[in-house]
Amino acid sequence: VSFRPAPEKEEEVPTGKTALRGFIRSGRMEPVYSLKLWVQVLKSLQRVYGSNWPFGFLSPENIVIDARNNISFLKRTQPPAYVPPEIMKGIELDERADIYSAGVILFEMLTGDLEGLGSVRVIDIAENVPEWLDEIVIRCIKKVREDRYQCLQDIFTDLKRLSQGRTD
């Protein structure tokens, strides 16, 4: 059940670009690379919000990257694993919906799949993931949207604060 309109036509991945799904398919990604790419995705998402980009389409299939690491987004049906819980309740989507989906994506980037999502911590199943990064994932994927980060800027603030002076 979806309470947002599906895109009129599913967009195809443009020539010369690769969907994030292609990077994840090869297994888990190194935490440093995952985090850098994830932050780029969030910054790009922040930019498209200014152009009336709708909430609720974020998934590895809908994030595309070109050879220069420029990120763009497609409006395609969101696979169920990335759908924020508020959709099932018919609550109007906002930035927190994409924060949930982004957290699911980071979990998958760090672990290589979605097994254990919401029931296990990233640090319990993936190597070399700092505890502070695990905490960010946990807060992003909270089922109750008021318990999540309230905006992308809050994530950037936490990333800076939690990673300050860390070598892990």
N, C-alpha and C. Protein backbone atom coordinates (compact mmCIF):
# COMPACT_ATOMS: atom_id res chain seq x y z
N VAL A 1 0.86 -1.18 0.00
CA VAL A 1 0.00 0.00 0.00
C VAL A 1 0.90 1.23 0.00
N SER A 2 0.59 2.14 -0.89
CA SER A 2 1.37 3.37 -0.96
C SER A 2 0.42 4.56 -0.98
N PHE A 3 0.72 5.58 -0.21
CA PHE A 3 -0.12 6.76 -0.12
C PHE A 3 0.46 7.93 -0.89
N ARG A 4 1.45 7.68 -1.71
CA ARG A 4 1.98 8.73 -2.56
C ARG A 4 1.81 8.27 -4.00
N PRO A 5 1.64 9.19 -4.91
CA PRO A 5 1.46 8.76 -6.30
C PRO A 5 2.74 8.14 -6.85
N ALA A 6 2.56 7.06 -7.59
CA ALA A 6 3.70 6.43 -8.25
C ALA A 6 4.10 7.32 -9.42
N PRO A 7 5.37 7.27 -9.79
CA PRO A 7 5.78 8.08 -10.94
C PRO A 7 4.98 7.65 -12.18
N GLU A 8 4.68 8.61 -13.03
CA GLU A 8 3.90 8.29 -14.22
C GLU A 8 4.62 7.28 -15.09
N LYS A 9 5.91 7.44 -15.21
CA LYS A 9 6.72 6.52 -16.02
C LYS A 9 8.01 6.27 -15.26
N GLU A 10 8.37 5.00 -15.12
CA GLU A 10 9.62 4.66 -14.42
C GLU A 10 10.81 5.20 -15.21
N GLU A 11 11.65 5.97 -14.56
CA GLU A 11 12.84 6.51 -15.22
C GLU A 11 13.90 5.42 -15.35
N GLU A 12 14.60 5.45 -16.45
CA GLU A 12 15.70 4.53 -16.68
C GLU A 12 17.01 5.18 -16.20
N VAL A 13 17.98 4.35 -15.84
CA VAL A 13 19.29 4.87 -15.46
C VAL A 13 19.93 5.44 -16.73
N PRO A 14 20.27 6.73 -16.70
CA PRO A 14 20.85 7.36 -17.89
C PRO A 14 22.20 6.73 -18.27
N THR A 15 22.48 6.75 -19.55
CA THR A 15 23.75 6.24 -20.07
C THR A 15 24.90 6.98 -19.41
N GLY A 16 25.91 6.24 -19.02
CA GLY A 16 27.09 6.84 -18.40
C GLY A 16 26.97 6.98 -16.89
N LYS A 17 25.86 6.54 -16.34
CA LYS A 17 25.68 6.61 -14.89
C LYS A 17 25.42 5.20 -14.35
N THR A 18 25.74 5.02 -13.08
CA THR A 18 25.55 3.73 -12.43
C THR A 18 24.67 3.93 -11.20
N ALA A 19 23.70 3.07 -11.04
CA ALA A 19 22.88 3.14 -9.84
C ALA A 19 23.71 2.68 -8.65
N LEU A 20 23.45 3.27 -7.50
CA LEU A 20 24.15 2.87 -6.27
C LEU A 20 24.01 1.37 -6.03
N ARG A 21 22.90 0.78 -6.47
CA ARG A 21 22.70 -0.65 -6.32
C ARG A 21 23.88 -1.44 -6.89
N GLY A 22 24.47 -0.97 -7.99
CA GLY A 22 25.61 -1.65 -8.59
C GLY A 22 26.82 -1.71 -7.68
N PHE A 23 27.02 -0.68 -6.88
CA PHE A 23 28.14 -0.65 -5.94
C PHE A 23 27.88 -1.61 -4.77
N ILE A 24 26.64 -1.66 -4.32
CA ILE A 24 26.29 -2.50 -3.17
C ILE A 24 26.27 -3.98 -3.55
N ARG A 25 25.89 -4.29 -4.79
CA ARG A 25 25.79 -5.69 -5.22
C ARG A 25 27.08 -6.46 -5.02
N SER A 26 28.19 -5.76 -5.05
CA SER A 26 29.48 -6.43 -4.91
C SER A 26 29.79 -6.76 -3.45
N GLY A 27 28.85 -6.51 -2.56
CA GLY A 27 29.06 -6.81 -1.14
C GLY A 27 29.19 -5.53 -0.34
N ARG A 28 29.52 -5.71 0.93
CA ARG A 28 29.63 -4.54 1.79
C ARG A 28 30.76 -3.64 1.32
N MET A 29 30.62 -2.38 1.59
CA MET A 29 31.62 -1.41 1.20
C MET A 29 32.42 -1.00 2.43
N GLU A 30 33.65 -0.61 2.24
CA GLU A 30 34.47 -0.15 3.36
C GLU A 30 33.78 1.02 4.04
N PRO A 31 33.80 1.07 5.38
CA PRO A 31 33.11 2.14 6.10
C PRO A 31 33.48 3.55 5.66
N VAL A 32 34.76 3.79 5.42
CA VAL A 32 35.19 5.14 5.03
C VAL A 32 34.58 5.52 3.68
N TYR A 33 34.61 4.59 2.73
CA TYR A 33 34.05 4.86 1.41
C TYR A 33 32.53 4.99 1.51
N SER A 34 31.90 4.11 2.29
CA SER A 34 30.44 4.16 2.47
C SER A 34 30.02 5.51 3.01
N LEU A 35 30.71 5.97 4.04
CA LEU A 35 30.35 7.23 4.67
C LEU A 35 30.54 8.41 3.71
N LYS A 36 31.66 8.44 3.00
CA LYS A 36 31.90 9.54 2.05
C LYS A 36 30.82 9.58 0.98
N LEU A 37 30.48 8.43 0.43
CA LEU A 37 29.46 8.36 -0.60
C LEU A 37 28.09 8.74 -0.04
N TRP A 38 27.78 8.26 1.15
CA TRP A 38 26.49 8.54 1.79
C TRP A 38 26.34 10.04 2.06
N VAL A 39 27.40 10.68 2.52
CA VAL A 39 27.36 12.12 2.78
C VAL A 39 27.14 12.86 1.46
N GLN A 40 27.78 12.41 0.38
CA GLN A 40 27.56 13.03 -0.93
C GLN A 40 26.09 12.90 -1.34
N VAL A 41 25.52 11.73 -1.09
CA VAL A 41 24.10 11.51 -1.41
C VAL A 41 23.23 12.48 -0.62
N LEU A 42 23.50 12.61 0.67
CA LEU A 42 22.69 13.50 1.51
C LEU A 42 22.82 14.96 1.06
N LYS A 43 24.03 15.38 0.73
CA LYS A 43 24.23 16.76 0.26
C LYS A 43 23.51 17.00 -1.05
N SER A 44 23.55 16.02 -1.94
CA SER A 44 22.83 16.14 -3.22
C SER A 44 21.33 16.17 -2.99
N LEU A 45 20.87 15.38 -2.06
CA LEU A 45 19.45 15.36 -1.72
C LEU A 45 19.01 16.72 -1.17
N GLN A 46 19.84 17.30 -0.33
CA GLN A 46 19.55 18.61 0.23
C GLN A 46 19.39 19.65 -0.90
N ARG A 47 20.23 19.53 -1.93
CA ARG A 47 20.16 20.47 -3.05
C ARG A 47 18.86 20.29 -3.85
N VAL A 48 18.44 19.04 -4.09
CA VAL A 48 17.23 18.84 -4.90
C VAL A 48 15.96 19.21 -4.16
N TYR A 49 15.99 19.22 -2.85
CA TYR A 49 14.81 19.66 -2.10
C TYR A 49 14.44 21.09 -2.48
N GLY A 50 15.42 21.89 -2.80
CA GLY A 50 15.17 23.27 -3.20
C GLY A 50 14.45 23.39 -4.54
N SER A 51 14.40 22.31 -5.30
CA SER A 51 13.73 22.34 -6.60
C SER A 51 12.44 21.53 -6.58
N ASN A 52 11.79 21.49 -5.42
CA ASN A 52 10.51 20.80 -5.26
C ASN A 52 10.60 19.28 -5.47
N TRP A 53 11.70 18.70 -5.14
CA TRP A 53 11.85 17.25 -5.25
C TRP A 53 10.93 16.59 -4.23
N PRO A 54 10.18 15.57 -4.63
CA PRO A 54 9.25 14.93 -3.69
C PRO A 54 9.98 14.01 -2.71
N PHE A 55 9.42 13.86 -1.54
CA PHE A 55 9.98 12.94 -0.55
C PHE A 55 9.51 11.52 -0.87
N GLY A 56 10.32 10.55 -0.48
CA GLY A 56 9.86 9.17 -0.51
C GLY A 56 10.24 8.33 -1.71
N PHE A 57 11.29 8.67 -2.43
CA PHE A 57 11.73 7.83 -3.54
C PHE A 57 13.14 7.29 -3.34
N LEU A 58 13.74 7.54 -2.20
CA LEU A 58 15.14 7.21 -1.98
C LEU A 58 15.36 5.70 -1.83
N SER A 59 16.25 5.16 -2.67
CA SER A 59 16.67 3.76 -2.61
C SER A 59 17.94 3.64 -3.45
N PRO A 60 18.70 2.55 -3.30
CA PRO A 60 19.91 2.39 -4.11
C PRO A 60 19.62 2.34 -5.62
N GLU A 61 18.41 1.93 -5.98
CA GLU A 61 18.03 1.88 -7.39
C GLU A 61 17.75 3.27 -7.95
N ASN A 62 17.42 4.22 -7.08
CA ASN A 62 17.04 5.56 -7.50
C ASN A 62 18.12 6.61 -7.32
N ILE A 63 19.29 6.18 -6.88
CA ILE A 63 20.44 7.07 -6.73
C ILE A 63 21.43 6.68 -7.82
N VAL A 64 21.78 7.63 -8.68
CA VAL A 64 22.71 7.34 -9.77
C VAL A 64 23.93 8.23 -9.68
N ILE A 65 25.05 7.65 -10.07
CA ILE A 65 26.35 8.31 -9.93
C ILE A 65 27.04 8.27 -11.29
N ASP A 66 27.62 9.40 -11.69
CA ASP A 66 28.36 9.40 -12.96
C ASP A 66 29.85 9.21 -12.71
N ALA A 67 30.64 9.23 -13.76
CA ALA A 67 32.09 8.98 -13.66
C ALA A 67 32.81 10.03 -12.82
N ARG A 68 32.23 11.21 -12.67
CA ARG A 68 32.83 12.27 -11.85
C ARG A 68 32.28 12.29 -10.43
N ASN A 69 31.56 11.24 -10.07
CA ASN A 69 30.93 11.10 -8.74
C ASN A 69 29.83 12.13 -8.48
N ASN A 70 29.23 12.66 -9.55
CA ASN A 70 28.06 13.51 -9.39
C ASN A 70 26.86 12.61 -9.14
N ILE A 71 26.02 13.02 -8.23
CA ILE A 71 24.88 12.20 -7.83
C ILE A 71 23.59 12.85 -8.30
N SER A 72 22.72 12.02 -8.83
CA SER A 72 21.37 12.49 -9.18
C SER A 72 20.38 11.42 -8.76
N PHE A 73 19.11 11.75 -8.85
CA PHE A 73 18.07 10.88 -8.33
C PHE A 73 17.02 10.61 -9.40
N LEU A 74 16.48 9.41 -9.35
CA LEU A 74 15.41 9.02 -10.25
C LEU A 74 14.11 8.90 -9.46
N LYS A 75 13.01 9.14 -10.13
CA LYS A 75 11.70 8.93 -9.52
C LYS A 75 11.19 7.58 -10.01
N ARG A 76 11.52 6.57 -9.25
CA ARG A 76 11.04 5.22 -9.56
C ARG A 76 10.43 4.65 -8.29
N THR A 77 9.62 3.65 -8.47
CA THR A 77 8.98 3.02 -7.32
C THR A 77 10.02 2.58 -6.31
N GLN A 78 9.78 2.89 -5.07
CA GLN A 78 10.71 2.57 -3.99
C GLN A 78 10.49 1.13 -3.53
N PRO A 79 11.55 0.30 -3.53
CA PRO A 79 11.40 -1.07 -3.03
C PRO A 79 10.94 -1.06 -1.56
N PRO A 80 10.15 -2.04 -1.15
CA PRO A 80 9.56 -2.05 0.19
C PRO A 80 10.54 -1.86 1.35
N ALA A 81 11.74 -2.40 1.25
CA ALA A 81 12.70 -2.31 2.37
C ALA A 81 13.08 -0.87 2.71
N TYR A 82 12.93 0.05 1.76
CA TYR A 82 13.36 1.44 1.95
C TYR A 82 12.19 2.38 2.28
N VAL A 83 10.99 1.83 2.25
CA VAL A 83 9.79 2.63 2.49
C VAL A 83 9.69 2.99 3.98
N PRO A 84 9.60 4.28 4.29
CA PRO A 84 9.50 4.67 5.70
C PRO A 84 8.17 4.23 6.31
N PRO A 85 8.18 3.89 7.59
CA PRO A 85 6.97 3.39 8.26
C PRO A 85 5.76 4.31 8.17
N GLU A 86 5.99 5.61 8.09
CA GLU A 86 4.85 6.54 8.08
C GLU A 86 3.99 6.41 6.82
N ILE A 87 4.52 5.83 5.77
CA ILE A 87 3.71 5.64 4.56
C ILE A 87 2.52 4.74 4.85
N MET A 88 2.75 3.69 5.62
CA MET A 88 1.67 2.75 5.93
C MET A 88 0.59 3.40 6.80
N LYS A 89 0.95 4.47 7.48
CA LYS A 89 -0.01 5.17 8.35
C LYS A 89 -0.70 6.32 7.63
N GLY A 90 -0.30 6.54 6.38
CA GLY A 90 -0.91 7.61 5.61
C GLY A 90 -0.50 9.00 6.04
N ILE A 91 0.62 9.10 6.75
CA ILE A 91 1.12 10.39 7.22
C ILE A 91 1.86 11.08 6.07
N GLU A 92 1.64 12.37 5.94
CA GLU A 92 2.31 13.11 4.87
C GLU A 92 3.83 13.02 5.04
N LEU A 93 4.51 12.78 3.94
CA LEU A 93 5.97 12.59 3.99
C LEU A 93 6.69 13.92 4.09
N ASP A 94 7.82 13.88 4.78
CA ASP A 94 8.71 15.03 4.86
C ASP A 94 10.14 14.51 4.84
N GLU A 95 11.08 15.38 5.15
CA GLU A 95 12.50 15.03 5.10
C GLU A 95 12.83 13.79 5.94
N ARG A 96 12.11 13.58 7.02
CA ARG A 96 12.37 12.43 7.89
C ARG A 96 12.11 11.10 7.19
N ALA A 97 11.23 11.10 6.20
CA ALA A 97 10.99 9.88 5.43
C ALA A 97 12.25 9.49 4.66
N ASP A 98 12.90 10.47 4.05
CA ASP A 98 14.13 10.20 3.32
C ASP A 98 15.28 9.88 4.27
N ILE A 99 15.25 10.43 5.46
CA ILE A 99 16.28 10.10 6.46
C ILE A 99 16.18 8.62 6.82
N TYR A 100 14.97 8.11 6.98
CA TYR A 100 14.78 6.68 7.25
C TYR A 100 15.38 5.86 6.10
N SER A 101 14.98 6.19 4.88
CA SER A 101 15.48 5.44 3.71
C SER A 101 17.00 5.54 3.59
N ALA A 102 17.55 6.72 3.87
CA ALA A 102 19.00 6.91 3.81
C ALA A 102 19.70 6.04 4.86
N GLY A 103 19.10 5.91 6.03
CA GLY A 103 19.67 5.04 7.07
C GLY A 103 19.67 3.58 6.65
N VAL A 104 18.60 3.15 6.00
CA VAL A 104 18.54 1.78 5.49
C VAL A 104 19.63 1.57 4.44
N ILE A 105 19.82 2.56 3.58
CA ILE A 105 20.85 2.47 2.55
C ILE A 105 22.24 2.38 3.19
N LEU A 106 22.52 3.20 4.20
CA LEU A 106 23.82 3.15 4.87
C LEU A 106 24.02 1.80 5.55
N PHE A 107 23.00 1.28 6.19
CA PHE A 107 23.07 -0.06 6.81
C PHE A 107 23.49 -1.07 5.75
N GLU A 108 22.84 -1.01 4.60
CA GLU A 108 23.15 -1.97 3.53
C GLU A 108 24.56 -1.77 2.96
N MET A 109 24.98 -0.52 2.82
CA MET A 109 26.33 -0.26 2.32
C MET A 109 27.38 -0.84 3.27
N LEU A 110 27.13 -0.71 4.55
CA LEU A 110 28.11 -1.16 5.55
C LEU A 110 28.10 -2.68 5.77
N THR A 111 26.93 -3.31 5.57
CA THR A 111 26.82 -4.75 5.87
C THR A 111 26.75 -5.63 4.63
N GLY A 112 26.41 -5.05 3.49
CA GLY A 112 26.31 -5.82 2.25
C GLY A 112 24.92 -6.33 1.95
N ASP A 113 24.01 -6.27 2.92
CA ASP A 113 22.62 -6.67 2.69
C ASP A 113 21.74 -6.08 3.78
N LEU A 114 20.47 -6.44 3.77
CA LEU A 114 19.55 -5.88 4.74
C LEU A 114 19.16 -6.87 5.83
N GLU A 115 19.84 -8.01 5.86
CA GLU A 115 19.54 -9.01 6.89
C GLU A 115 19.83 -8.42 8.27
N GLY A 116 18.87 -8.51 9.15
CA GLY A 116 19.03 -8.01 10.51
C GLY A 116 18.66 -6.55 10.68
N LEU A 117 18.23 -5.88 9.60
CA LEU A 117 17.86 -4.46 9.68
C LEU A 117 16.84 -4.25 10.79
N GLY A 118 17.17 -3.36 11.70
CA GLY A 118 16.26 -3.02 12.78
C GLY A 118 16.34 -3.94 13.99
N SER A 119 17.05 -5.06 13.83
CA SER A 119 17.14 -5.98 14.98
C SER A 119 18.58 -6.23 15.43
N VAL A 120 19.54 -5.89 14.58
CA VAL A 120 20.95 -6.02 14.96
C VAL A 120 21.67 -4.71 14.65
N ARG A 121 22.75 -4.50 15.36
CA ARG A 121 23.56 -3.31 15.13
C ARG A 121 24.58 -3.60 14.04
N VAL A 122 24.92 -2.57 13.30
CA VAL A 122 25.92 -2.70 12.24
C VAL A 122 27.23 -3.22 12.82
N ILE A 123 27.64 -2.72 13.98
CA ILE A 123 28.92 -3.12 14.55
C ILE A 123 28.95 -4.59 14.95
N ASP A 124 27.78 -5.21 15.09
CA ASP A 124 27.74 -6.63 15.44
C ASP A 124 27.90 -7.54 14.22
N ILE A 125 27.75 -7.00 13.02
CA ILE A 125 27.83 -7.85 11.83
C ILE A 125 28.82 -7.37 10.77
N ALA A 126 29.38 -6.18 10.95
CA ALA A 126 30.34 -5.66 9.97
C ALA A 126 31.62 -5.26 10.68
N GLU A 127 32.72 -5.42 9.98
CA GLU A 127 34.03 -5.10 10.55
C GLU A 127 34.39 -3.64 10.31
N ASN A 128 35.20 -3.10 11.19
CA ASN A 128 35.79 -1.76 11.06
C ASN A 128 34.78 -0.62 11.04
N VAL A 129 33.60 -0.85 11.58
CA VAL A 129 32.61 0.22 11.66
C VAL A 129 32.69 0.84 13.05
N PRO A 130 32.99 2.14 13.11
CA PRO A 130 33.08 2.78 14.42
C PRO A 130 31.70 2.86 15.09
N GLU A 131 31.70 2.81 16.40
CA GLU A 131 30.45 2.82 17.15
C GLU A 131 29.64 4.09 16.88
N TRP A 132 30.30 5.23 16.71
CA TRP A 132 29.58 6.48 16.45
C TRP A 132 28.81 6.41 15.13
N LEU A 133 29.35 5.70 14.13
CA LEU A 133 28.66 5.57 12.86
C LEU A 133 27.46 4.63 13.01
N ASP A 134 27.61 3.60 13.81
CA ASP A 134 26.51 2.69 14.11
C ASP A 134 25.37 3.46 14.78
N GLU A 135 25.71 4.38 15.68
CA GLU A 135 24.71 5.18 16.37
C GLU A 135 23.92 6.05 15.39
N ILE A 136 24.60 6.57 14.39
CA ILE A 136 23.92 7.39 13.37
C ILE A 136 22.93 6.53 12.58
N VAL A 137 23.35 5.33 12.20
CA VAL A 137 22.45 4.42 11.48
C VAL A 137 21.22 4.13 12.33
N ILE A 138 21.44 3.79 13.59
CA ILE A 138 20.33 3.45 14.50
C ILE A 138 19.33 4.61 14.58
N ARG A 139 19.83 5.81 14.71
CA ARG A 139 18.92 6.96 14.83
C ARG A 139 18.17 7.23 13.53
N CYS A 140 18.80 6.98 12.39
CA CYS A 140 18.14 7.20 11.10
C CYS A 140 16.99 6.23 10.87
N ILE A 141 17.12 5.00 11.35
CA ILE A 141 16.11 3.98 11.02
C ILE A 141 15.09 3.74 12.13
N LYS A 142 14.97 4.69 13.03
CA LYS A 142 13.94 4.59 14.08
C LYS A 142 12.56 4.55 13.40
N LYS A 143 11.71 3.68 13.89
CA LYS A 143 10.37 3.51 13.30
C LYS A 143 9.49 4.75 13.51
N VAL A 144 9.63 5.39 14.65
CA VAL A 144 8.85 6.59 14.95
C VAL A 144 9.64 7.79 14.43
N ARG A 145 9.05 8.54 13.52
CA ARG A 145 9.83 9.59 12.86
C ARG A 145 10.26 10.71 13.81
N GLU A 146 9.56 10.92 14.88
CA GLU A 146 9.98 11.94 15.86
C GLU A 146 11.26 11.52 16.59
N ASP A 147 11.59 10.23 16.57
CA ASP A 147 12.81 9.72 17.20
C ASP A 147 14.02 9.76 16.26
N ARG A 148 13.77 9.99 14.98
CA ARG A 148 14.85 10.09 13.98
C ARG A 148 15.45 11.48 13.98
N TYR A 149 16.50 11.64 13.19
CA TYR A 149 16.98 13.00 12.91
C TYR A 149 15.82 13.75 12.28
N GLN A 150 15.69 15.01 12.59
CA GLN A 150 14.57 15.79 12.08
C GLN A 150 14.85 16.43 10.73
N CYS A 151 16.13 16.56 10.41
CA CYS A 151 16.51 17.10 9.10
C CYS A 151 17.93 16.64 8.76
N LEU A 152 18.28 16.76 7.49
CA LEU A 152 19.61 16.32 7.07
C LEU A 152 20.71 17.10 7.76
N GLN A 153 20.48 18.37 8.01
CA GLN A 153 21.49 19.19 8.69
C GLN A 153 21.84 18.62 10.06
N ASP A 154 20.86 18.04 10.75
CA ASP A 154 21.13 17.42 12.05
C ASP A 154 22.10 16.25 11.92
N ILE A 155 22.01 15.52 10.81
CA ILE A 155 22.94 14.41 10.57
C ILE A 155 24.35 14.97 10.39
N PHE A 156 24.47 16.01 9.57
CA PHE A 156 25.80 16.60 9.33
C PHE A 156 26.41 17.12 10.63
N THR A 157 25.59 17.73 11.47
CA THR A 157 26.06 18.23 12.76
C THR A 157 26.57 17.08 13.62
N ASP A 158 25.81 15.99 13.68
CA ASP A 158 26.21 14.82 14.47
C ASP A 158 27.47 14.16 13.90
N LEU A 159 27.54 14.05 12.59
CA LEU A 159 28.73 13.46 11.96
C LEU A 159 29.98 14.23 12.36
N LYS A 160 29.88 15.53 12.31
CA LYS A 160 31.02 16.37 12.67
C LYS A 160 31.37 16.20 14.15
N ARG A 161 30.36 16.25 14.98
CA ARG A 161 30.57 16.15 16.45
C ARG A 161 31.09 14.77 16.85
N LEU A 162 30.45 13.72 16.34
CA LEU A 162 30.80 12.37 16.76
C LEU A 162 32.13 11.87 16.20
N SER A 163 32.48 12.37 15.02
CA SER A 163 33.72 11.89 14.40
C SER A 163 34.92 12.75 14.74
N GLN A 164 34.69 13.88 15.40
CA GLN A 164 35.75 14.83 15.75
C GLN A 164 36.91 14.14 16.49
N GLY A 165 38.07 14.25 15.92
CA GLY A 165 39.25 13.74 16.60
C GLY A 165 39.35 12.22 16.61
N ARG A 166 38.47 11.54 15.94
CA ARG A 166 38.50 10.08 15.93
C ARG A 166 39.42 9.60 14.82
N THR A 167 40.02 8.47 15.03
CA THR A 167 40.83 7.85 13.98
C THR A 167 40.17 6.57 13.50
N ASP A 168 39.06 6.15 14.20
CA ASP A 168 38.40 4.92 13.78
C ASP A 168 37.37 5.19 12.72
